[in-house]
């Protein structure tokens, strides 16, 4: 009889990857980053275990989108006060908080619940070309 291998989350080897977002399309980049965070690129992938790797995204301010999304796509948040609904276009978000744009896109592609939140903690996004994870010796990852 065959037995199914179940990976132990504490014994999974986690690698660090750095991704350059310059010139990349937002959705395509977010989709590939989400796959690495989930561990779908590994042969030991299991849907109910966190077997993904760490991902560092640099140059978030140089992300691109297709079509008229820069002015048509809106981001909303509320201040919890009456009349406190705020909206910003994608162009404004990239100018003010480029890291939040990529984080939000990737977060939407991860599972909802405790496992997805655990995977999301392994994502680090920086607006510029510098990051503070040089000690982990991240490998360059291209899509």
N, C-alpha and C. Protein backbone atom coordinates (compact mmCIF):
# COMPACT_ATOMS: atom_id res chain seq x y z
N UNK A 1 0.83 -1.18 0.00
CA UNK A 1 0.00 0.00 0.00
C UNK A 1 0.89 1.25 0.00
N UNK A 2 0.50 2.25 -0.78
CA UNK A 2 1.26 3.50 -0.83
C UNK A 2 0.85 4.42 0.31
N UNK A 3 1.79 5.22 0.77
CA UNK A 3 1.49 6.19 1.81
C UNK A 3 1.69 7.59 1.25
N UNK A 4 0.85 8.50 1.67
CA UNK A 4 0.93 9.88 1.20
C UNK A 4 1.86 10.67 2.11
N UNK A 5 2.78 11.39 1.50
CA UNK A 5 3.72 12.21 2.25
C UNK A 5 3.04 13.50 2.68
N UNK A 6 3.12 13.83 3.94
CA UNK A 6 2.58 15.08 4.47
C UNK A 6 3.73 15.90 5.03
N UNK A 7 4.01 17.06 4.46
CA UNK A 7 5.13 17.86 4.96
C UNK A 7 4.85 18.44 6.34
N UNK A 8 5.87 18.45 7.17
CA UNK A 8 5.77 19.05 8.49
C UNK A 8 6.17 20.52 8.35
N UNK A 9 5.30 21.46 8.70
CA UNK A 9 5.61 22.88 8.48
C UNK A 9 6.90 23.34 9.15
N UNK A 10 7.27 22.72 10.27
CA UNK A 10 8.49 23.14 10.95
C UNK A 10 9.74 22.66 10.23
N UNK A 11 9.62 21.68 9.36
CA UNK A 11 10.78 21.13 8.66
C UNK A 11 10.88 21.60 7.21
N UNK A 12 9.97 22.46 6.78
CA UNK A 12 10.00 22.97 5.42
C UNK A 12 11.14 23.99 5.30
N UNK A 13 11.97 23.83 4.28
CA UNK A 13 13.05 24.78 4.05
C UNK A 13 12.49 25.99 3.31
N UNK A 14 12.59 27.14 3.94
CA UNK A 14 12.05 28.36 3.34
C UNK A 14 13.20 29.19 2.76
N UNK A 15 13.05 29.55 1.50
CA UNK A 15 14.04 30.37 0.83
C UNK A 15 13.56 31.82 0.79
N UNK A 16 14.48 32.71 0.54
CA UNK A 16 14.17 34.14 0.39
C UNK A 16 14.37 34.50 -1.06
N UNK A 17 13.40 35.18 -1.65
CA UNK A 17 13.48 35.63 -3.04
C UNK A 17 13.27 37.13 -3.10
N UNK A 18 13.95 37.77 -4.04
CA UNK A 18 13.74 39.19 -4.28
C UNK A 18 13.23 39.35 -5.72
N UNK A 19 12.16 40.13 -5.87
CA UNK A 19 11.53 40.34 -7.17
C UNK A 19 11.59 41.83 -7.49
N UNK A 20 12.04 42.16 -8.70
CA UNK A 20 12.07 43.55 -9.14
C UNK A 20 10.77 43.84 -9.89
N UNK A 21 9.98 44.79 -9.38
CA UNK A 21 8.67 45.09 -9.97
C UNK A 21 8.75 46.10 -11.09
N UNK A 22 9.93 46.58 -11.42
CA UNK A 22 10.06 47.62 -12.44
C UNK A 22 9.60 47.10 -13.80
N UNK A 23 8.60 47.78 -14.38
CA UNK A 23 8.08 47.40 -15.69
C UNK A 23 7.15 46.20 -15.68
N UNK A 24 6.88 45.61 -14.53
CA UNK A 24 6.00 44.45 -14.44
C UNK A 24 4.54 44.92 -14.38
N UNK A 25 3.64 44.10 -14.91
CA UNK A 25 2.21 44.38 -14.81
C UNK A 25 1.72 43.95 -13.43
N UNK A 26 0.90 44.78 -12.81
CA UNK A 26 0.50 44.58 -11.42
C UNK A 26 -0.12 43.21 -11.16
N UNK A 27 -1.15 42.84 -11.89
CA UNK A 27 -1.85 41.59 -11.63
C UNK A 27 -1.01 40.36 -11.91
N UNK A 28 -0.23 40.39 -12.97
CA UNK A 28 0.61 39.25 -13.31
C UNK A 28 1.71 39.04 -12.27
N UNK A 29 2.28 40.14 -11.81
CA UNK A 29 3.30 40.05 -10.76
C UNK A 29 2.69 39.52 -9.47
N UNK A 30 1.53 40.05 -9.08
CA UNK A 30 0.88 39.64 -7.83
C UNK A 30 0.51 38.16 -7.86
N UNK A 31 0.08 37.68 -9.01
CA UNK A 31 -0.28 36.27 -9.15
C UNK A 31 0.93 35.36 -8.94
N UNK A 32 2.06 35.72 -9.52
CA UNK A 32 3.27 34.90 -9.38
C UNK A 32 3.81 34.96 -7.95
N UNK A 33 3.77 36.14 -7.34
CA UNK A 33 4.23 36.28 -5.96
C UNK A 33 3.35 35.46 -5.02
N UNK A 34 2.05 35.46 -5.24
CA UNK A 34 1.13 34.68 -4.41
C UNK A 34 1.41 33.19 -4.52
N UNK A 35 1.77 32.72 -5.71
CA UNK A 35 2.11 31.30 -5.88
C UNK A 35 3.33 30.92 -5.05
N UNK A 36 4.33 31.79 -5.04
CA UNK A 36 5.55 31.51 -4.27
C UNK A 36 5.25 31.56 -2.78
N UNK A 37 4.43 32.52 -2.34
CA UNK A 37 4.07 32.62 -0.92
C UNK A 37 3.30 31.39 -0.46
N UNK A 38 2.48 30.83 -1.32
CA UNK A 38 1.71 29.63 -0.97
C UNK A 38 2.55 28.37 -1.03
N UNK A 39 3.62 28.39 -1.84
CA UNK A 39 4.46 27.20 -1.99
C UNK A 39 4.06 26.34 -3.16
N UNK A 40 3.28 26.89 -4.08
CA UNK A 40 2.80 26.10 -5.22
C UNK A 40 3.91 25.75 -6.20
N UNK A 41 5.07 26.39 -6.06
CA UNK A 41 6.19 26.09 -6.93
C UNK A 41 7.04 24.93 -6.39
N UNK A 42 6.64 24.34 -5.28
CA UNK A 42 7.40 23.25 -4.67
C UNK A 42 6.67 21.92 -4.86
N UNK A 43 7.42 20.84 -4.97
CA UNK A 43 6.77 19.53 -5.11
C UNK A 43 6.07 19.06 -3.84
N UNK A 44 6.39 19.65 -2.69
CA UNK A 44 5.76 19.23 -1.43
C UNK A 44 4.53 20.07 -1.10
N UNK A 45 4.00 20.82 -2.07
CA UNK A 45 2.86 21.71 -1.82
C UNK A 45 1.68 20.94 -1.24
N UNK A 46 1.13 21.47 -0.17
CA UNK A 46 -0.07 20.93 0.46
C UNK A 46 -0.99 22.11 0.76
N UNK A 47 -2.25 22.05 0.32
CA UNK A 47 -3.15 23.21 0.47
C UNK A 47 -3.39 23.65 1.91
N UNK A 48 -3.35 22.72 2.86
CA UNK A 48 -3.69 23.09 4.24
C UNK A 48 -2.46 23.37 5.11
N UNK A 49 -1.27 23.43 4.51
CA UNK A 49 -0.05 23.74 5.25
C UNK A 49 0.63 24.96 4.63
N UNK A 50 1.33 25.71 5.43
CA UNK A 50 2.10 26.85 4.92
C UNK A 50 3.50 26.35 4.57
N UNK A 51 3.73 26.11 3.30
CA UNK A 51 5.04 25.61 2.86
C UNK A 51 5.68 26.58 1.87
N UNK A 52 5.27 27.84 1.89
CA UNK A 52 5.77 28.84 0.95
C UNK A 52 7.07 29.48 1.40
N UNK A 53 7.59 30.34 0.54
CA UNK A 53 8.86 31.02 0.78
C UNK A 53 8.61 32.50 1.06
N UNK A 54 9.68 33.18 1.48
CA UNK A 54 9.63 34.62 1.72
C UNK A 54 9.87 35.35 0.40
N UNK A 55 9.15 36.45 0.18
CA UNK A 55 9.30 37.22 -1.05
C UNK A 55 9.48 38.70 -0.69
N UNK A 56 10.51 39.29 -1.29
CA UNK A 56 10.78 40.72 -1.16
C UNK A 56 10.53 41.35 -2.52
N UNK A 57 9.67 42.35 -2.58
CA UNK A 57 9.38 43.05 -3.84
C UNK A 57 9.99 44.44 -3.74
N UNK A 58 10.85 44.78 -4.71
CA UNK A 58 11.48 46.10 -4.73
C UNK A 58 10.97 46.88 -5.94
N UNK A 59 11.20 48.18 -5.93
CA UNK A 59 10.76 49.08 -7.01
C UNK A 59 9.25 49.04 -7.23
N UNK A 60 8.49 49.02 -6.16
CA UNK A 60 7.03 48.98 -6.27
C UNK A 60 6.48 50.22 -6.94
N UNK A 61 7.20 51.33 -6.86
CA UNK A 61 6.72 52.57 -7.47
C UNK A 61 6.80 52.55 -8.99
N UNK A 62 7.49 51.56 -9.56
CA UNK A 62 7.66 51.49 -11.01
C UNK A 62 6.80 50.39 -11.64
N UNK A 63 5.73 50.01 -10.96
CA UNK A 63 4.81 48.99 -11.47
C UNK A 63 3.98 49.59 -12.61
N UNK A 64 3.54 48.76 -13.54
CA UNK A 64 2.71 49.25 -14.64
C UNK A 64 1.36 48.54 -14.62
N UNK A 65 0.39 49.16 -15.28
CA UNK A 65 -0.92 48.54 -15.47
C UNK A 65 -1.33 48.78 -16.91
N UNK A 66 -2.25 47.96 -17.40
CA UNK A 66 -2.71 48.10 -18.78
C UNK A 66 -4.00 48.91 -18.83
N UNK A 67 -4.30 49.42 -19.99
CA UNK A 67 -5.56 50.15 -20.18
C UNK A 67 -5.59 51.47 -19.43
N UNK A 68 -6.79 51.85 -19.01
CA UNK A 68 -6.99 53.14 -18.33
C UNK A 68 -7.10 52.98 -16.82
N UNK A 69 -6.54 51.90 -16.30
CA UNK A 69 -6.69 51.61 -14.88
C UNK A 69 -6.06 52.67 -13.97
N UNK A 70 -5.03 53.35 -14.44
CA UNK A 70 -4.38 54.36 -13.59
C UNK A 70 -5.37 55.41 -13.11
N UNK A 71 -6.33 55.77 -13.95
CA UNK A 71 -7.32 56.78 -13.56
C UNK A 71 -8.69 56.19 -13.25
N UNK A 72 -8.98 54.99 -13.75
CA UNK A 72 -10.31 54.41 -13.57
C UNK A 72 -10.41 53.57 -12.29
N UNK A 73 -9.34 52.91 -11.88
CA UNK A 73 -9.39 52.04 -10.70
C UNK A 73 -9.37 52.89 -9.44
N UNK A 74 -10.31 52.62 -8.55
CA UNK A 74 -10.44 53.40 -7.32
C UNK A 74 -10.17 52.51 -6.11
N UNK A 75 -9.56 53.11 -5.11
CA UNK A 75 -9.35 52.47 -3.82
C UNK A 75 -10.15 53.24 -2.78
N UNK A 76 -10.89 52.53 -1.94
CA UNK A 76 -11.75 53.16 -0.95
C UNK A 76 -11.32 52.77 0.46
N UNK A 77 -11.46 53.69 1.39
CA UNK A 77 -11.33 53.38 2.81
C UNK A 77 -12.22 54.35 3.58
N UNK A 78 -12.56 53.97 4.79
CA UNK A 78 -13.51 54.76 5.58
C UNK A 78 -12.88 55.09 6.93
N UNK A 79 -13.15 56.31 7.41
CA UNK A 79 -12.56 56.76 8.67
C UNK A 79 -13.42 56.40 9.88
N UNK A 80 -14.55 55.74 9.66
CA UNK A 80 -15.51 55.37 10.71
C UNK A 80 -16.28 56.57 11.26
N UNK A 81 -16.18 57.71 10.61
CA UNK A 81 -17.00 58.86 10.95
C UNK A 81 -18.03 59.06 9.85
N UNK A 82 -19.10 59.76 10.17
CA UNK A 82 -20.14 60.03 9.19
C UNK A 82 -19.55 60.82 8.03
N UNK A 83 -19.79 60.37 6.83
CA UNK A 83 -19.25 61.04 5.65
C UNK A 83 -17.76 60.83 5.47
N UNK A 84 -17.21 59.81 6.09
CA UNK A 84 -15.76 59.60 6.08
C UNK A 84 -15.26 58.65 5.01
N UNK A 85 -16.04 58.45 3.95
CA UNK A 85 -15.59 57.56 2.87
C UNK A 85 -14.58 58.31 2.00
N UNK A 86 -13.38 57.77 1.91
CA UNK A 86 -12.33 58.40 1.11
C UNK A 86 -12.06 57.52 -0.11
N UNK A 87 -11.71 58.14 -1.21
CA UNK A 87 -11.37 57.38 -2.40
C UNK A 87 -10.12 57.97 -3.03
N UNK A 88 -9.34 57.10 -3.67
CA UNK A 88 -8.12 57.52 -4.36
C UNK A 88 -7.99 56.67 -5.61
N UNK A 89 -7.47 57.27 -6.67
CA UNK A 89 -7.24 56.51 -7.90
C UNK A 89 -5.94 55.73 -7.76
N UNK A 90 -5.74 54.81 -8.68
CA UNK A 90 -4.51 54.02 -8.67
C UNK A 90 -3.30 54.91 -8.86
N UNK A 91 -3.42 55.93 -9.67
CA UNK A 91 -2.30 56.87 -9.89
C UNK A 91 -1.90 57.54 -8.57
N UNK A 92 -2.90 57.97 -7.78
CA UNK A 92 -2.62 58.61 -6.49
C UNK A 92 -2.02 57.62 -5.50
N UNK A 93 -2.52 56.39 -5.51
CA UNK A 93 -2.00 55.37 -4.60
C UNK A 93 -0.55 55.03 -4.92
N UNK A 94 -0.21 54.93 -6.20
CA UNK A 94 1.17 54.63 -6.57
C UNK A 94 2.08 55.78 -6.16
N UNK A 95 1.59 57.01 -6.25
CA UNK A 95 2.39 58.17 -5.85
C UNK A 95 2.60 58.22 -4.34
N UNK A 96 1.56 57.90 -3.55
CA UNK A 96 1.65 58.03 -2.10
C UNK A 96 2.12 56.74 -1.42
N UNK A 97 1.50 55.61 -1.77
CA UNK A 97 1.77 54.34 -1.09
C UNK A 97 1.91 53.21 -2.10
N UNK A 98 3.00 53.16 -2.85
CA UNK A 98 3.13 52.10 -3.87
C UNK A 98 3.21 50.70 -3.26
N UNK A 99 3.69 50.60 -2.03
CA UNK A 99 3.77 49.29 -1.40
C UNK A 99 2.38 48.72 -1.12
N UNK A 100 1.43 49.57 -0.74
CA UNK A 100 0.08 49.09 -0.43
C UNK A 100 -0.64 48.56 -1.67
N UNK A 101 -0.31 49.09 -2.83
CA UNK A 101 -0.95 48.63 -4.06
C UNK A 101 -0.60 47.16 -4.31
N UNK A 102 0.68 46.83 -4.22
CA UNK A 102 1.11 45.45 -4.46
C UNK A 102 0.65 44.55 -3.32
N UNK A 103 0.75 45.03 -2.08
CA UNK A 103 0.31 44.22 -0.94
C UNK A 103 -1.17 43.86 -1.05
N UNK A 104 -1.99 44.82 -1.45
CA UNK A 104 -3.42 44.56 -1.59
C UNK A 104 -3.73 43.58 -2.69
N UNK A 105 -3.00 43.69 -3.81
CA UNK A 105 -3.23 42.77 -4.93
C UNK A 105 -2.84 41.35 -4.56
N UNK A 106 -1.71 41.20 -3.87
CA UNK A 106 -1.26 39.86 -3.47
C UNK A 106 -2.17 39.29 -2.39
N UNK A 107 -2.57 40.12 -1.44
CA UNK A 107 -3.42 39.66 -0.34
C UNK A 107 -4.75 39.11 -0.86
N UNK A 108 -5.27 39.73 -1.91
CA UNK A 108 -6.52 39.25 -2.50
C UNK A 108 -6.39 37.91 -3.19
N UNK A 109 -5.16 37.50 -3.50
CA UNK A 109 -4.93 36.23 -4.18
C UNK A 109 -4.52 35.12 -3.22
N UNK A 110 -4.42 35.42 -1.94
CA UNK A 110 -4.09 34.41 -0.94
C UNK A 110 -5.37 33.90 -0.28
N UNK A 111 -5.31 32.73 0.37
CA UNK A 111 -6.50 32.21 1.05
C UNK A 111 -6.97 33.16 2.15
N UNK A 112 -8.27 33.16 2.36
CA UNK A 112 -8.84 33.98 3.42
C UNK A 112 -8.86 33.13 4.69
N UNK A 113 -8.42 33.69 5.81
CA UNK A 113 -8.41 32.96 7.06
C UNK A 113 -7.03 32.95 7.68
N UNK A 114 -6.85 32.18 8.76
CA UNK A 114 -5.57 32.19 9.48
C UNK A 114 -4.38 31.76 8.63
N UNK A 115 -4.57 30.78 7.76
CA UNK A 115 -3.46 30.31 6.92
C UNK A 115 -3.03 31.39 5.94
N UNK A 116 -3.97 32.09 5.35
CA UNK A 116 -3.65 33.16 4.42
C UNK A 116 -2.95 34.32 5.11
N UNK A 117 -3.36 34.63 6.33
CA UNK A 117 -2.70 35.71 7.08
C UNK A 117 -1.26 35.33 7.42
N UNK A 118 -1.04 34.06 7.71
CA UNK A 118 0.32 33.58 7.99
C UNK A 118 1.19 33.67 6.74
N UNK A 119 0.63 33.34 5.59
CA UNK A 119 1.38 33.44 4.33
C UNK A 119 1.69 34.90 3.99
N UNK A 120 0.74 35.78 4.26
CA UNK A 120 0.89 37.20 3.94
C UNK A 120 2.03 37.85 4.72
N UNK A 121 2.33 37.32 5.91
CA UNK A 121 3.40 37.88 6.73
C UNK A 121 4.78 37.64 6.12
N UNK A 122 4.87 36.79 5.11
CA UNK A 122 6.16 36.50 4.48
C UNK A 122 6.40 37.39 3.26
N UNK A 123 5.56 38.40 3.07
CA UNK A 123 5.70 39.33 1.95
C UNK A 123 6.25 40.66 2.46
N UNK A 124 7.28 41.17 1.78
CA UNK A 124 7.88 42.45 2.13
C UNK A 124 7.97 43.28 0.86
N UNK A 125 7.34 44.47 0.86
CA UNK A 125 7.29 45.31 -0.34
C UNK A 125 7.96 46.65 -0.03
N UNK A 126 8.83 47.08 -0.94
CA UNK A 126 9.54 48.35 -0.78
C UNK A 126 9.37 49.18 -2.04
N UNK A 127 9.18 50.49 -1.85
CA UNK A 127 8.93 51.39 -2.98
C UNK A 127 10.17 51.56 -3.84
N UNK A 128 11.33 51.61 -3.23
CA UNK A 128 12.57 51.84 -3.97
C UNK A 128 13.37 50.57 -4.20
N UNK A 129 14.62 50.73 -4.67
CA UNK A 129 15.44 49.56 -5.00
C UNK A 129 16.14 48.93 -3.80
N UNK A 130 16.09 49.56 -2.63
CA UNK A 130 16.79 49.05 -1.45
C UNK A 130 15.84 48.30 -0.53
N UNK A 131 16.38 47.26 0.13
CA UNK A 131 15.62 46.53 1.14
C UNK A 131 16.56 46.20 2.29
N UNK A 132 16.00 45.81 3.42
CA UNK A 132 16.81 45.57 4.62
C UNK A 132 16.97 44.08 4.93
N UNK A 133 16.89 43.23 3.93
CA UNK A 133 16.97 41.79 4.17
C UNK A 133 18.20 41.18 3.51
N UNK A 134 19.27 41.92 3.42
CA UNK A 134 20.48 41.42 2.77
C UNK A 134 21.09 40.26 3.55
N UNK A 135 20.88 40.21 4.86
CA UNK A 135 21.46 39.15 5.69
C UNK A 135 20.87 37.78 5.34
N UNK A 136 19.66 37.75 4.78
CA UNK A 136 19.03 36.48 4.42
C UNK A 136 19.52 35.96 3.07
N UNK A 137 20.32 36.75 2.37
CA UNK A 137 20.87 36.38 1.05
C UNK A 137 19.77 35.94 0.09
N UNK A 138 18.85 36.84 -0.25
CA UNK A 138 17.75 36.44 -1.15
C UNK A 138 18.24 36.21 -2.57
N UNK A 139 17.58 35.26 -3.24
CA UNK A 139 17.89 34.94 -4.63
C UNK A 139 16.98 35.78 -5.53
N UNK A 140 17.53 36.18 -6.69
CA UNK A 140 16.74 36.94 -7.66
C UNK A 140 15.71 36.01 -8.30
N UNK A 141 14.48 36.47 -8.38
CA UNK A 141 13.39 35.69 -8.98
C UNK A 141 12.79 36.51 -10.11
N UNK A 142 12.74 35.94 -11.31
CA UNK A 142 12.18 36.66 -12.46
C UNK A 142 10.98 35.91 -12.99
N UNK A 143 10.04 36.67 -13.52
CA UNK A 143 8.84 36.08 -14.10
C UNK A 143 8.75 36.44 -15.56
